[in-house]
Amino acid sequence: MSKQLKIALCVIFGVLLADQLIKIYVKTHFVLGEEYTFFPWFKIHFTENPGMAFGLEFGGSFGKLLLSIFRICAAIFGVYYLRQIITKKFHPGYIAAIAFIFAGAVGNILDSMFYGMFFNESYIEPAKFMPAEGGYAGFLHGRVVDMLYFPITEGYFPKWLPIWGGEDYMFFRPICNLADGAISTGVVIILLFQKKFFAHEKSLETITPPASQEETLNKVSND
C-alpha cells in the first residue's frame, strides 16, 4: 500500500468515524434546540439541516432529493479523482486535502441517505435508533445533524453603513458539523499550499525539451 493511499484512507475513515459518532450521540441524547455551553464562544446546539452546508436550505422536498442525488454523484467523482491523484503520486498534502473534502461530503450524504429511516423525530425527547414505529423520512430525505456553534463575537453594524446599518451581527452564526469542518479544512489547505502542491507540475512546464538528433545535425550543417 502506497504512502498516498494510506494518507487518504486514514483521513477518510478518521473523519467519517468521528463525524458519525458525534452526530449519533447528539441525535440520541439531545432534543432539537437543546444547547450545552463549553465556552462562551463554543457551544453544542442541536439542530437539523434539511438542505446544504451551514444550515442553508434548498428547494423543499424535491430540492432535498436533487441535492442528495448531486451529493452522491459528487462523491462518486471524488472516488475517481482520489484514485487518479493517488496513482499519479501527487503531493501527500494535496491528497490529504482532497480526502478531507471527500470525507466531509460523504459524512453528510450518510445523514441524508439513512438518518430519516433509522431515527425518529427529536422534538420532545431524544431520538431513538431503529424505533418500532419507523423513522421520520424515507431514503435520501434524511436531515443532516448540525451541532457545532461558534458565537465568537456579536454586536451591531454602525448606522452609517449601507444596507446593514444598525442591524445586529454575529460571527460565526451558522451551526455546522464535523463534516462541514472537514470540507472547509480541505479547501483552506489547498488555498494556502497550492504553490507547494503544484510546484513539480509547474517546473516540468518550464523545462525546454532537448533538441532531437536531426535538429542538432541541421544546426551544425547550417553553421
N, C-alpha and C. Protein backbone atom coordinates (compact mmCIF):
# COMPACT_ATOMS: atom_id res chain seq x y z
N MET A 1 0.85 -1.20 0.00
CA MET A 1 0.00 0.00 0.00
C MET A 1 0.89 1.25 0.00
N SER A 2 0.63 2.16 -0.93
CA SER A 2 1.47 3.36 -1.05
C SER A 2 1.20 4.34 0.08
N LYS A 3 2.16 5.24 0.27
CA LYS A 3 2.03 6.28 1.29
C LYS A 3 0.82 7.15 1.03
N GLN A 4 0.62 7.50 -0.25
CA GLN A 4 -0.52 8.37 -0.61
C GLN A 4 -1.86 7.71 -0.28
N LEU A 5 -1.96 6.40 -0.55
CA LEU A 5 -3.21 5.69 -0.26
C LEU A 5 -3.44 5.59 1.25
N LYS A 6 -2.40 5.37 2.02
CA LYS A 6 -2.52 5.30 3.47
C LYS A 6 -3.03 6.63 4.03
N ILE A 7 -2.47 7.73 3.53
CA ILE A 7 -2.90 9.06 3.99
C ILE A 7 -4.38 9.27 3.70
N ALA A 8 -4.79 8.96 2.47
CA ALA A 8 -6.20 9.16 2.08
C ALA A 8 -7.13 8.32 2.95
N LEU A 9 -6.79 7.05 3.14
CA LEU A 9 -7.66 6.17 3.93
C LEU A 9 -7.74 6.61 5.38
N CYS A 10 -6.60 7.01 5.96
CA CYS A 10 -6.60 7.46 7.36
C CYS A 10 -7.48 8.70 7.54
N VAL A 11 -7.35 9.65 6.63
CA VAL A 11 -8.16 10.88 6.72
C VAL A 11 -9.64 10.56 6.56
N ILE A 12 -9.97 9.78 5.54
CA ILE A 12 -11.38 9.49 5.24
C ILE A 12 -12.05 8.74 6.38
N PHE A 13 -11.44 7.65 6.83
CA PHE A 13 -12.06 6.85 7.88
C PHE A 13 -12.04 7.58 9.23
N GLY A 14 -10.99 8.36 9.48
CA GLY A 14 -10.93 9.12 10.72
C GLY A 14 -12.03 10.17 10.80
N VAL A 15 -12.22 10.93 9.71
CA VAL A 15 -13.26 11.96 9.67
C VAL A 15 -14.64 11.33 9.75
N LEU A 16 -14.88 10.28 8.95
CA LEU A 16 -16.21 9.65 8.94
C LEU A 16 -16.56 9.07 10.30
N LEU A 17 -15.61 8.40 10.94
CA LEU A 17 -15.88 7.79 12.24
C LEU A 17 -16.21 8.86 13.28
N ALA A 18 -15.37 9.89 13.36
CA ALA A 18 -15.61 10.95 14.34
C ALA A 18 -16.91 11.70 14.06
N ASP A 19 -17.16 12.00 12.79
CA ASP A 19 -18.36 12.73 12.40
C ASP A 19 -19.62 11.96 12.78
N GLN A 20 -19.68 10.68 12.43
CA GLN A 20 -20.88 9.89 12.70
C GLN A 20 -21.07 9.61 14.19
N LEU A 21 -19.99 9.40 14.92
CA LEU A 21 -20.12 9.18 16.36
C LEU A 21 -20.70 10.41 17.06
N ILE A 22 -20.20 11.58 16.68
CA ILE A 22 -20.70 12.82 17.29
C ILE A 22 -22.17 13.03 16.92
N LYS A 23 -22.52 12.84 15.66
CA LYS A 23 -23.90 13.04 15.21
C LYS A 23 -24.86 12.08 15.91
N ILE A 24 -24.48 10.82 15.98
CA ILE A 24 -25.36 9.83 16.61
C ILE A 24 -25.52 10.12 18.10
N TYR A 25 -24.44 10.52 18.76
CA TYR A 25 -24.54 10.86 20.18
C TYR A 25 -25.49 12.03 20.39
N VAL A 26 -25.30 13.10 19.62
CA VAL A 26 -26.16 14.28 19.76
C VAL A 26 -27.60 13.94 19.43
N LYS A 27 -27.81 13.19 18.37
CA LYS A 27 -29.16 12.83 17.94
C LYS A 27 -29.89 12.01 19.01
N THR A 28 -29.17 11.15 19.72
CA THR A 28 -29.81 10.26 20.69
C THR A 28 -29.74 10.76 22.13
N HIS A 29 -29.14 11.93 22.35
CA HIS A 29 -29.04 12.47 23.71
C HIS A 29 -29.58 13.89 23.85
N PHE A 30 -29.85 14.58 22.74
CA PHE A 30 -30.34 15.96 22.78
C PHE A 30 -31.70 16.02 22.09
N VAL A 31 -32.52 16.99 22.50
CA VAL A 31 -33.72 17.32 21.74
C VAL A 31 -33.40 18.54 20.89
N LEU A 32 -34.15 18.75 19.83
CA LEU A 32 -33.90 19.87 18.93
C LEU A 32 -33.90 21.19 19.71
N GLY A 33 -32.88 21.98 19.48
CA GLY A 33 -32.76 23.27 20.15
C GLY A 33 -32.00 23.22 21.46
N GLU A 34 -31.75 22.01 21.98
CA GLU A 34 -31.01 21.91 23.24
C GLU A 34 -29.56 22.34 23.03
N GLU A 35 -29.02 22.97 24.06
CA GLU A 35 -27.70 23.57 23.93
C GLU A 35 -26.84 23.28 25.15
N TYR A 36 -25.57 23.03 24.92
CA TYR A 36 -24.62 22.84 26.01
C TYR A 36 -23.43 23.74 25.75
N THR A 37 -23.07 24.56 26.74
CA THR A 37 -22.01 25.54 26.58
C THR A 37 -20.70 25.03 27.16
N PHE A 38 -19.68 24.92 26.32
CA PHE A 38 -18.33 24.61 26.78
C PHE A 38 -17.60 25.89 27.14
N PHE A 39 -17.66 26.86 26.23
CA PHE A 39 -17.09 28.19 26.42
C PHE A 39 -18.08 29.19 25.85
N PRO A 40 -17.98 30.47 26.21
CA PRO A 40 -18.91 31.45 25.62
C PRO A 40 -18.86 31.47 24.10
N TRP A 41 -17.71 31.11 23.53
CA TRP A 41 -17.54 31.14 22.08
C TRP A 41 -17.65 29.77 21.43
N PHE A 42 -17.95 28.72 22.20
CA PHE A 42 -18.12 27.39 21.64
C PHE A 42 -19.22 26.65 22.38
N LYS A 43 -20.26 26.27 21.62
CA LYS A 43 -21.40 25.58 22.20
C LYS A 43 -21.80 24.40 21.31
N ILE A 44 -22.45 23.43 21.94
CA ILE A 44 -23.13 22.36 21.21
C ILE A 44 -24.61 22.74 21.17
N HIS A 45 -25.10 23.01 19.99
CA HIS A 45 -26.50 23.41 19.81
C HIS A 45 -27.10 22.49 18.74
N PHE A 46 -28.00 21.59 19.16
CA PHE A 46 -28.53 20.59 18.25
C PHE A 46 -29.59 21.18 17.34
N THR A 47 -29.33 21.06 16.06
CA THR A 47 -30.32 21.44 15.05
C THR A 47 -30.18 20.47 13.88
N GLU A 48 -31.16 20.47 13.01
CA GLU A 48 -31.11 19.60 11.83
C GLU A 48 -31.27 20.44 10.58
N ASN A 49 -30.47 20.13 9.61
CA ASN A 49 -30.41 20.91 8.40
C ASN A 49 -30.98 20.11 7.23
N PRO A 50 -32.10 20.55 6.66
CA PRO A 50 -32.70 19.81 5.54
C PRO A 50 -32.06 20.10 4.20
N GLY A 51 -31.13 21.03 4.17
CA GLY A 51 -30.57 21.44 2.88
C GLY A 51 -29.08 21.28 2.79
N MET A 52 -28.39 22.38 2.49
CA MET A 52 -26.96 22.35 2.22
C MET A 52 -26.16 22.58 3.50
N ALA A 53 -24.87 22.84 3.32
CA ALA A 53 -23.98 23.01 4.47
C ALA A 53 -24.27 24.31 5.21
N PHE A 54 -23.90 24.33 6.49
CA PHE A 54 -24.01 25.51 7.36
C PHE A 54 -25.45 26.02 7.48
N GLY A 55 -26.41 25.10 7.46
CA GLY A 55 -27.80 25.46 7.72
C GLY A 55 -28.56 26.04 6.55
N LEU A 56 -27.97 26.09 5.37
CA LEU A 56 -28.67 26.64 4.21
C LEU A 56 -29.68 25.62 3.69
N GLU A 57 -30.77 26.10 3.10
CA GLU A 57 -31.81 25.22 2.59
C GLU A 57 -31.94 25.37 1.09
N PHE A 58 -32.55 24.36 0.47
CA PHE A 58 -32.61 24.36 -0.99
C PHE A 58 -33.87 23.66 -1.47
N GLY A 59 -34.88 24.43 -1.88
CA GLY A 59 -35.99 23.94 -2.67
C GLY A 59 -36.91 22.89 -2.11
N GLY A 60 -37.15 22.85 -0.81
CA GLY A 60 -38.13 21.92 -0.25
C GLY A 60 -37.77 20.46 -0.42
N SER A 61 -38.81 19.59 -0.46
CA SER A 61 -38.60 18.15 -0.52
C SER A 61 -37.95 17.74 -1.84
N PHE A 62 -38.43 18.31 -2.96
CA PHE A 62 -37.84 17.97 -4.26
C PHE A 62 -36.41 18.46 -4.35
N GLY A 63 -36.17 19.66 -3.84
CA GLY A 63 -34.81 20.18 -3.83
C GLY A 63 -33.89 19.34 -2.98
N LYS A 64 -34.43 18.83 -1.87
CA LYS A 64 -33.66 17.95 -1.00
C LYS A 64 -33.25 16.68 -1.74
N LEU A 65 -34.17 16.11 -2.51
CA LEU A 65 -33.87 14.91 -3.27
C LEU A 65 -32.80 15.19 -4.32
N LEU A 66 -32.93 16.31 -5.04
CA LEU A 66 -31.94 16.67 -6.04
C LEU A 66 -30.57 16.88 -5.40
N LEU A 67 -30.57 17.54 -4.25
CA LEU A 67 -29.31 17.80 -3.55
C LEU A 67 -28.66 16.50 -3.12
N SER A 68 -29.45 15.55 -2.62
CA SER A 68 -28.90 14.26 -2.20
C SER A 68 -28.31 13.51 -3.38
N ILE A 69 -29.01 13.52 -4.52
CA ILE A 69 -28.50 12.85 -5.72
C ILE A 69 -27.22 13.52 -6.19
N PHE A 70 -27.21 14.86 -6.16
CA PHE A 70 -26.00 15.58 -6.56
C PHE A 70 -24.82 15.22 -5.66
N ARG A 71 -25.08 15.13 -4.35
CA ARG A 71 -24.02 14.77 -3.42
C ARG A 71 -23.46 13.38 -3.72
N ILE A 72 -24.34 12.44 -4.05
CA ILE A 72 -23.89 11.08 -4.36
C ILE A 72 -23.05 11.08 -5.63
N CYS A 73 -23.48 11.82 -6.65
CA CYS A 73 -22.70 11.91 -7.89
C CYS A 73 -21.34 12.56 -7.62
N ALA A 74 -21.33 13.60 -6.80
CA ALA A 74 -20.07 14.26 -6.45
C ALA A 74 -19.15 13.31 -5.71
N ALA A 75 -19.72 12.48 -4.84
CA ALA A 75 -18.91 11.51 -4.08
C ALA A 75 -18.32 10.46 -5.02
N ILE A 76 -19.10 10.01 -6.01
CA ILE A 76 -18.58 9.04 -6.99
C ILE A 76 -17.42 9.65 -7.77
N PHE A 77 -17.58 10.91 -8.18
CA PHE A 77 -16.48 11.59 -8.87
C PHE A 77 -15.29 11.74 -7.94
N GLY A 78 -15.55 11.98 -6.65
CA GLY A 78 -14.47 12.11 -5.68
C GLY A 78 -13.64 10.84 -5.58
N VAL A 79 -14.29 9.68 -5.62
CA VAL A 79 -13.57 8.40 -5.60
C VAL A 79 -12.65 8.30 -6.82
N TYR A 80 -13.20 8.64 -7.99
CA TYR A 80 -12.41 8.59 -9.22
C TYR A 80 -11.22 9.54 -9.14
N TYR A 81 -11.47 10.78 -8.69
CA TYR A 81 -10.40 11.78 -8.65
C TYR A 81 -9.32 11.40 -7.63
N LEU A 82 -9.74 10.91 -6.47
CA LEU A 82 -8.76 10.47 -5.48
C LEU A 82 -7.89 9.34 -6.03
N ARG A 83 -8.51 8.43 -6.72
CA ARG A 83 -7.75 7.32 -7.31
C ARG A 83 -6.72 7.84 -8.30
N GLN A 84 -7.12 8.83 -9.10
CA GLN A 84 -6.21 9.39 -10.09
C GLN A 84 -5.00 10.06 -9.44
N ILE A 85 -5.24 10.91 -8.44
CA ILE A 85 -4.12 11.65 -7.85
C ILE A 85 -3.25 10.74 -6.98
N ILE A 86 -3.82 9.66 -6.45
CA ILE A 86 -3.01 8.70 -5.69
C ILE A 86 -2.13 7.90 -6.65
N THR A 87 -2.70 7.48 -7.78
CA THR A 87 -1.94 6.73 -8.78
C THR A 87 -0.79 7.56 -9.33
N LYS A 88 -1.05 8.85 -9.55
CA LYS A 88 -0.03 9.74 -10.11
C LYS A 88 0.90 10.31 -9.04
N LYS A 89 0.70 9.87 -7.79
CA LYS A 89 1.57 10.25 -6.68
C LYS A 89 1.69 11.77 -6.51
N PHE A 90 0.55 12.42 -6.42
CA PHE A 90 0.51 13.84 -6.12
C PHE A 90 1.07 14.09 -4.72
N HIS A 91 1.30 15.33 -4.41
CA HIS A 91 1.84 15.72 -3.10
C HIS A 91 0.93 15.17 -1.99
N PRO A 92 1.50 14.55 -0.96
CA PRO A 92 0.68 13.98 0.13
C PRO A 92 -0.26 14.99 0.77
N GLY A 93 0.18 16.24 0.87
CA GLY A 93 -0.68 17.27 1.46
C GLY A 93 -1.92 17.53 0.62
N TYR A 94 -1.76 17.52 -0.69
CA TYR A 94 -2.90 17.72 -1.59
C TYR A 94 -3.86 16.55 -1.50
N ILE A 95 -3.31 15.34 -1.44
CA ILE A 95 -4.15 14.15 -1.31
C ILE A 95 -4.93 14.20 0.00
N ALA A 96 -4.27 14.63 1.08
CA ALA A 96 -4.97 14.75 2.37
C ALA A 96 -6.09 15.78 2.30
N ALA A 97 -5.83 16.90 1.61
CA ALA A 97 -6.85 17.95 1.50
C ALA A 97 -8.07 17.44 0.73
N ILE A 98 -7.85 16.75 -0.39
CA ILE A 98 -8.96 16.19 -1.16
C ILE A 98 -9.69 15.14 -0.34
N ALA A 99 -8.94 14.35 0.44
CA ALA A 99 -9.57 13.34 1.29
C ALA A 99 -10.45 13.99 2.35
N PHE A 100 -10.03 15.12 2.92
CA PHE A 100 -10.87 15.85 3.88
C PHE A 100 -12.18 16.28 3.22
N ILE A 101 -12.10 16.84 2.03
CA ILE A 101 -13.29 17.31 1.32
C ILE A 101 -14.21 16.13 1.00
N PHE A 102 -13.63 15.04 0.51
CA PHE A 102 -14.41 13.86 0.17
C PHE A 102 -15.09 13.27 1.40
N ALA A 103 -14.34 13.14 2.50
CA ALA A 103 -14.91 12.57 3.72
C ALA A 103 -16.04 13.44 4.26
N GLY A 104 -15.87 14.75 4.21
CA GLY A 104 -16.93 15.64 4.67
C GLY A 104 -18.19 15.50 3.85
N ALA A 105 -18.02 15.40 2.53
CA ALA A 105 -19.19 15.24 1.67
C ALA A 105 -19.91 13.92 1.96
N VAL A 106 -19.14 12.85 2.11
CA VAL A 106 -19.74 11.54 2.38
C VAL A 106 -20.42 11.53 3.75
N GLY A 107 -19.82 12.21 4.74
CA GLY A 107 -20.42 12.27 6.07
C GLY A 107 -21.82 12.84 6.04
N ASN A 108 -22.02 13.90 5.27
CA ASN A 108 -23.37 14.49 5.18
C ASN A 108 -24.29 13.67 4.28
N ILE A 109 -23.71 12.98 3.31
CA ILE A 109 -24.53 12.09 2.46
C ILE A 109 -25.15 10.97 3.30
N LEU A 110 -24.38 10.43 4.23
CA LEU A 110 -24.89 9.35 5.08
C LEU A 110 -26.12 9.81 5.87
N ASP A 111 -26.09 11.04 6.37
CA ASP A 111 -27.26 11.58 7.07
C ASP A 111 -28.47 11.61 6.15
N SER A 112 -28.26 12.17 4.95
CA SER A 112 -29.37 12.30 4.00
C SER A 112 -29.94 10.95 3.59
N MET A 113 -29.06 9.99 3.42
CA MET A 113 -29.49 8.68 2.93
C MET A 113 -30.23 7.86 4.00
N PHE A 114 -29.69 7.84 5.23
CA PHE A 114 -30.15 6.85 6.20
C PHE A 114 -30.80 7.39 7.48
N TYR A 115 -30.50 8.62 7.88
CA TYR A 115 -30.99 9.08 9.18
C TYR A 115 -32.51 9.15 9.24
N GLY A 116 -33.15 9.49 8.13
CA GLY A 116 -34.61 9.53 8.12
C GLY A 116 -35.23 8.17 8.36
N MET A 117 -34.55 7.10 7.93
CA MET A 117 -35.08 5.75 8.11
C MET A 117 -34.69 5.16 9.46
N PHE A 118 -33.55 5.56 10.01
CA PHE A 118 -33.01 4.92 11.22
C PHE A 118 -33.41 5.61 12.52
N PHE A 119 -33.87 6.87 12.46
CA PHE A 119 -34.19 7.62 13.68
C PHE A 119 -35.60 8.21 13.58
N ASN A 120 -36.23 8.40 14.75
CA ASN A 120 -37.49 9.15 14.78
C ASN A 120 -37.19 10.61 15.10
N GLU A 121 -38.22 11.40 15.24
CA GLU A 121 -38.05 12.84 15.48
C GLU A 121 -37.45 13.11 16.85
N SER A 122 -36.89 14.32 16.99
CA SER A 122 -36.21 14.70 18.24
C SER A 122 -36.86 15.92 18.89
N TYR A 123 -38.17 16.09 18.68
CA TYR A 123 -38.83 17.30 19.16
C TYR A 123 -39.06 17.29 20.68
N ILE A 124 -39.59 16.21 21.22
CA ILE A 124 -39.96 16.16 22.64
C ILE A 124 -38.91 15.44 23.46
N GLU A 125 -38.35 14.39 22.91
CA GLU A 125 -37.32 13.63 23.59
C GLU A 125 -36.25 13.22 22.58
N PRO A 126 -35.07 12.85 23.04
CA PRO A 126 -34.03 12.44 22.09
C PRO A 126 -34.50 11.30 21.20
N ALA A 127 -33.99 11.29 19.99
CA ALA A 127 -34.41 10.28 19.03
C ALA A 127 -33.94 8.89 19.45
N LYS A 128 -34.65 7.90 18.96
CA LYS A 128 -34.28 6.50 19.19
C LYS A 128 -33.79 5.90 17.88
N PHE A 129 -32.81 5.02 17.99
CA PHE A 129 -32.29 4.32 16.82
C PHE A 129 -33.19 3.14 16.49
N MET A 130 -33.60 3.06 15.23
CA MET A 130 -34.48 1.99 14.75
C MET A 130 -35.74 1.86 15.60
N PRO A 131 -36.54 2.92 15.72
CA PRO A 131 -37.76 2.84 16.53
C PRO A 131 -38.79 1.91 15.90
N ALA A 132 -39.65 1.34 16.74
CA ALA A 132 -40.64 0.38 16.26
C ALA A 132 -41.61 1.01 15.27
N GLU A 133 -41.91 2.30 15.45
CA GLU A 133 -42.86 2.96 14.55
C GLU A 133 -42.22 3.43 13.25
N GLY A 134 -40.94 3.23 13.12
CA GLY A 134 -40.25 3.63 11.89
C GLY A 134 -39.62 5.01 12.01
N GLY A 135 -38.86 5.38 11.00
CA GLY A 135 -38.17 6.66 11.00
C GLY A 135 -39.06 7.81 10.58
N TYR A 136 -38.46 9.00 10.55
CA TYR A 136 -39.24 10.20 10.26
C TYR A 136 -39.30 10.53 8.76
N ALA A 137 -38.50 9.85 7.93
CA ALA A 137 -38.49 10.16 6.50
C ALA A 137 -37.96 8.96 5.74
N GLY A 138 -38.08 9.02 4.41
CA GLY A 138 -37.62 7.93 3.57
C GLY A 138 -36.18 8.08 3.13
N PHE A 139 -35.75 7.16 2.28
CA PHE A 139 -34.40 7.15 1.75
C PHE A 139 -34.10 8.44 1.00
N LEU A 140 -32.94 9.02 1.26
CA LEU A 140 -32.45 10.27 0.66
C LEU A 140 -33.17 11.52 1.16
N HIS A 141 -34.07 11.38 2.13
CA HIS A 141 -34.79 12.55 2.65
C HIS A 141 -34.44 12.83 4.12
N GLY A 142 -33.39 12.22 4.61
CA GLY A 142 -32.98 12.48 5.98
C GLY A 142 -32.39 13.87 6.13
N ARG A 143 -32.41 14.38 7.35
CA ARG A 143 -31.86 15.71 7.63
C ARG A 143 -30.46 15.56 8.22
N VAL A 144 -29.59 16.50 7.85
CA VAL A 144 -28.21 16.49 8.34
C VAL A 144 -28.17 17.03 9.76
N VAL A 145 -27.50 16.33 10.65
CA VAL A 145 -27.39 16.75 12.05
C VAL A 145 -26.26 17.77 12.19
N ASP A 146 -26.60 18.94 12.71
CA ASP A 146 -25.62 20.00 12.98
C ASP A 146 -25.59 20.29 14.47
N MET A 147 -24.41 20.67 14.96
CA MET A 147 -24.32 20.93 16.40
C MET A 147 -23.20 21.88 16.81
N LEU A 148 -22.22 22.14 15.96
CA LEU A 148 -21.08 22.97 16.34
C LEU A 148 -21.41 24.44 16.13
N TYR A 149 -21.38 25.20 17.21
CA TYR A 149 -21.83 26.59 17.20
C TYR A 149 -20.73 27.46 17.81
N PHE A 150 -20.28 28.45 17.04
CA PHE A 150 -19.17 29.30 17.47
C PHE A 150 -19.58 30.78 17.47
N PRO A 151 -20.37 31.23 18.45
CA PRO A 151 -20.73 32.65 18.52
C PRO A 151 -19.58 33.46 19.12
N ILE A 152 -18.52 33.62 18.34
CA ILE A 152 -17.28 34.22 18.85
C ILE A 152 -17.49 35.67 19.25
N THR A 153 -18.18 36.43 18.43
CA THR A 153 -18.41 37.84 18.75
C THR A 153 -19.74 38.28 18.15
N GLU A 154 -20.38 39.26 18.78
CA GLU A 154 -21.63 39.79 18.27
C GLU A 154 -21.73 41.27 18.61
N GLY A 155 -22.56 41.96 17.86
CA GLY A 155 -22.72 43.39 18.08
C GLY A 155 -23.66 43.96 17.04
N TYR A 156 -23.47 45.24 16.71
CA TYR A 156 -24.33 45.93 15.75
C TYR A 156 -23.47 46.64 14.70
N PHE A 157 -23.93 46.58 13.45
CA PHE A 157 -23.25 47.34 12.41
C PHE A 157 -23.49 48.83 12.64
N PRO A 158 -22.51 49.68 12.36
CA PRO A 158 -22.72 51.13 12.52
C PRO A 158 -23.85 51.62 11.63
N LYS A 159 -24.60 52.59 12.12
CA LYS A 159 -25.79 53.05 11.41
C LYS A 159 -25.47 53.67 10.06
N TRP A 160 -24.25 54.21 9.91
CA TRP A 160 -23.90 54.84 8.62
C TRP A 160 -23.60 53.82 7.53
N LEU A 161 -23.50 52.52 7.89
CA LEU A 161 -23.17 51.50 6.90
C LEU A 161 -24.38 51.23 6.00
N PRO A 162 -24.21 51.27 4.67
CA PRO A 162 -25.35 50.99 3.77
C PRO A 162 -25.89 49.58 3.97
N ILE A 163 -27.18 49.40 3.76
CA ILE A 163 -27.91 48.13 3.78
C ILE A 163 -28.01 47.55 5.19
N TRP A 164 -26.85 47.27 5.85
CA TRP A 164 -26.88 46.58 7.14
C TRP A 164 -26.77 47.53 8.33
N GLY A 165 -26.76 48.82 8.09
CA GLY A 165 -26.58 49.77 9.18
C GLY A 165 -27.60 49.61 10.30
N GLY A 166 -27.13 49.48 11.54
CA GLY A 166 -27.98 49.34 12.71
C GLY A 166 -28.42 47.92 13.01
N GLU A 167 -28.21 46.98 12.08
CA GLU A 167 -28.62 45.60 12.32
C GLU A 167 -27.58 44.86 13.15
N ASP A 168 -28.05 43.83 13.85
CA ASP A 168 -27.12 43.06 14.68
C ASP A 168 -26.36 42.05 13.81
N TYR A 169 -25.17 41.67 14.27
CA TYR A 169 -24.39 40.66 13.57
C TYR A 169 -23.80 39.70 14.60
N MET A 170 -23.46 38.53 14.14
CA MET A 170 -22.79 37.54 14.98
C MET A 170 -21.80 36.77 14.12
N PHE A 171 -20.61 36.59 14.64
CA PHE A 171 -19.61 35.76 13.97
C PHE A 171 -19.17 34.67 14.95
N PHE A 172 -19.52 33.45 14.70
CA PHE A 172 -19.94 32.81 13.47
C PHE A 172 -21.35 32.30 13.69
N ARG A 173 -22.35 32.80 12.95
CA ARG A 173 -23.74 32.48 13.22
C ARG A 173 -24.16 31.07 12.78
N PRO A 174 -23.73 30.58 11.60
CA PRO A 174 -24.19 29.25 11.16
C PRO A 174 -23.77 28.15 12.12
N ILE A 175 -24.63 27.14 12.25
CA ILE A 175 -24.33 25.95 13.04
C ILE A 175 -23.94 24.85 12.07
N CYS A 176 -22.83 24.18 12.32
CA CYS A 176 -22.31 23.21 11.36
C CYS A 176 -22.00 21.89 12.07
N ASN A 177 -21.29 21.02 11.38
CA ASN A 177 -20.89 19.75 11.97
C ASN A 177 -19.45 19.44 11.56
N LEU A 178 -18.93 18.33 12.02
CA LEU A 178 -17.54 17.99 11.73
C LEU A 178 -17.30 17.77 10.25
N ALA A 179 -18.30 17.23 9.54
CA ALA A 179 -18.16 17.02 8.10
C ALA A 179 -17.99 18.36 7.38
N ASP A 180 -18.79 19.37 7.75
CA ASP A 180 -18.63 20.70 7.17
C ASP A 180 -17.23 21.24 7.46
N GLY A 181 -16.77 21.02 8.70
CA GLY A 181 -15.43 21.47 9.07
C GLY A 181 -14.35 20.79 8.25
N ALA A 182 -14.53 19.51 7.94
CA ALA A 182 -13.55 18.78 7.13
C ALA A 182 -13.49 19.35 5.72
N ILE A 183 -14.66 19.66 5.15
CA ILE A 183 -14.69 20.26 3.82
C ILE A 183 -13.96 21.60 3.82
N SER A 184 -14.26 22.44 4.81
CA SER A 184 -13.60 23.75 4.91
C SER A 184 -12.10 23.59 5.11
N THR A 185 -11.70 22.62 5.93
CA THR A 185 -10.28 22.38 6.17
C THR A 185 -9.56 22.01 4.88
N GLY A 186 -10.15 21.12 4.10
CA GLY A 186 -9.54 20.72 2.84
C GLY A 186 -9.38 21.89 1.88
N VAL A 187 -10.41 22.73 1.78
CA VAL A 187 -10.36 23.90 0.89
C VAL A 187 -9.27 24.87 1.35
N VAL A 188 -9.21 25.14 2.65
CA VAL A 188 -8.21 26.07 3.19
C VAL A 188 -6.79 25.55 2.94
N ILE A 189 -6.57 24.26 3.16
CA ILE A 189 -5.24 23.67 2.92
C ILE A 189 -4.82 23.88 1.47
N ILE A 190 -5.73 23.64 0.53
CA ILE A 190 -5.41 23.81 -0.89
C ILE A 190 -5.08 25.27 -1.20
N LEU A 191 -5.87 26.20 -0.66
CA LEU A 191 -5.64 27.61 -0.92
C LEU A 191 -4.30 28.08 -0.35
N LEU A 192 -3.95 27.59 0.83
CA LEU A 192 -2.72 28.05 1.48
C LEU A 192 -1.46 27.44 0.87
N PHE A 193 -1.55 26.20 0.40
CA PHE A 193 -0.35 25.49 -0.02
C PHE A 193 -0.37 25.08 -1.49
N GLN A 194 -1.20 25.72 -2.30
CA GLN A 194 -1.33 25.30 -3.70
C GLN A 194 -0.01 25.44 -4.46
N LYS A 195 0.78 26.47 -4.17
CA LYS A 195 2.07 26.63 -4.86
C LYS A 195 3.00 25.46 -4.56
N LYS A 196 2.99 25.03 -3.32
CA LYS A 196 3.83 23.89 -2.93
C LYS A 196 3.31 22.60 -3.54
N PHE A 197 2.00 22.42 -3.55
CA PHE A 197 1.41 21.19 -4.07
C PHE A 197 1.67 21.02 -5.56
N PHE A 198 1.66 22.13 -6.31
CA PHE A 198 1.77 22.04 -7.77
C PHE A 198 3.10 22.57 -8.29
N ALA A 199 4.08 22.72 -7.41
CA ALA A 199 5.39 23.22 -7.83
C ALA A 199 6.04 22.27 -8.83
N HIS A 200 5.90 20.97 -8.64
CA HIS A 200 6.52 19.99 -9.52
C HIS A 200 5.95 20.09 -10.94
N GLU A 201 4.61 20.21 -11.03
CA GLU A 201 4.00 20.31 -12.36
C GLU A 201 4.43 21.59 -13.07
N LYS A 202 4.54 22.70 -12.32
CA LYS A 202 4.93 23.95 -12.94
C LYS A 202 6.38 23.91 -13.42
N SER A 203 7.23 23.25 -12.62
CA SER A 203 8.64 23.15 -13.02
C SER A 203 8.78 22.33 -14.29
N LEU A 204 7.96 21.29 -14.44
CA LEU A 204 8.01 20.48 -15.66
C LEU A 204 7.60 21.28 -16.88
N GLU A 205 6.64 22.20 -16.69
CA GLU A 205 6.17 23.01 -17.81
C GLU A 205 7.24 23.97 -18.30
N THR A 206 8.13 24.40 -17.41
CA THR A 206 9.15 25.39 -17.77
C THR A 206 10.40 24.76 -18.36
N ILE A 207 10.53 23.44 -18.27
CA ILE A 207 11.71 22.77 -18.81
C ILE A 207 11.59 22.68 -20.32
N THR A 208 12.61 23.17 -21.06
CA THR A 208 12.61 23.10 -22.51
C THR A 208 13.04 21.72 -22.95
N PRO A 209 12.27 21.03 -23.77
CA PRO A 209 12.65 19.68 -24.19
C PRO A 209 13.94 19.71 -24.98
N PRO A 210 14.78 18.68 -24.81
CA PRO A 210 16.06 18.66 -25.53
C PRO A 210 15.84 18.54 -27.03
N ALA A 211 16.77 19.14 -27.79
CA ALA A 211 16.66 19.09 -29.24
C ALA A 211 16.89 17.69 -29.75
N SER A 212 16.16 17.30 -30.77
CA SER A 212 16.33 15.98 -31.35
C SER A 212 17.66 15.90 -32.12
N GLN A 213 18.08 14.68 -32.45
CA GLN A 213 19.34 14.49 -33.16
C GLN A 213 19.30 15.15 -34.53
N GLU A 214 18.14 15.07 -35.19
CA GLU A 214 18.01 15.68 -36.51
C GLU A 214 18.16 17.18 -36.45
N GLU A 215 17.53 17.81 -35.42
CA GLU A 215 17.63 19.26 -35.26
C GLU A 215 19.06 19.67 -34.99
N THR A 216 19.80 18.85 -34.21
CA THR A 216 21.19 19.17 -33.90
C THR A 216 22.06 19.11 -35.15
N LEU A 217 21.86 18.09 -36.00
CA LEU A 217 22.62 17.96 -37.25
C LEU A 217 22.34 19.11 -38.19
N ASN A 218 21.06 19.51 -38.27
CA ASN A 218 20.71 20.64 -39.14
C ASN A 218 21.37 21.91 -38.70
N LYS A 219 21.42 22.10 -37.37
CA LYS A 219 22.04 23.30 -36.83
C LYS A 219 23.53 23.34 -37.15
N VAL A 220 24.22 22.17 -37.02
CA VAL A 220 25.65 22.09 -37.31
C VAL A 220 25.93 22.37 -38.78
N SER A 221 25.09 21.78 -39.69
CA SER A 221 25.30 21.97 -41.12
C SER A 221 25.07 23.41 -41.53
N ASN A 222 24.10 24.08 -40.90
CA ASN A 222 23.84 25.48 -41.21
C ASN A 222 24.99 26.37 -40.77
N ASP A 223 25.60 25.98 -39.64
CA ASP A 223 26.74 26.78 -39.15
C ASP A 223 27.94 26.61 -40.09
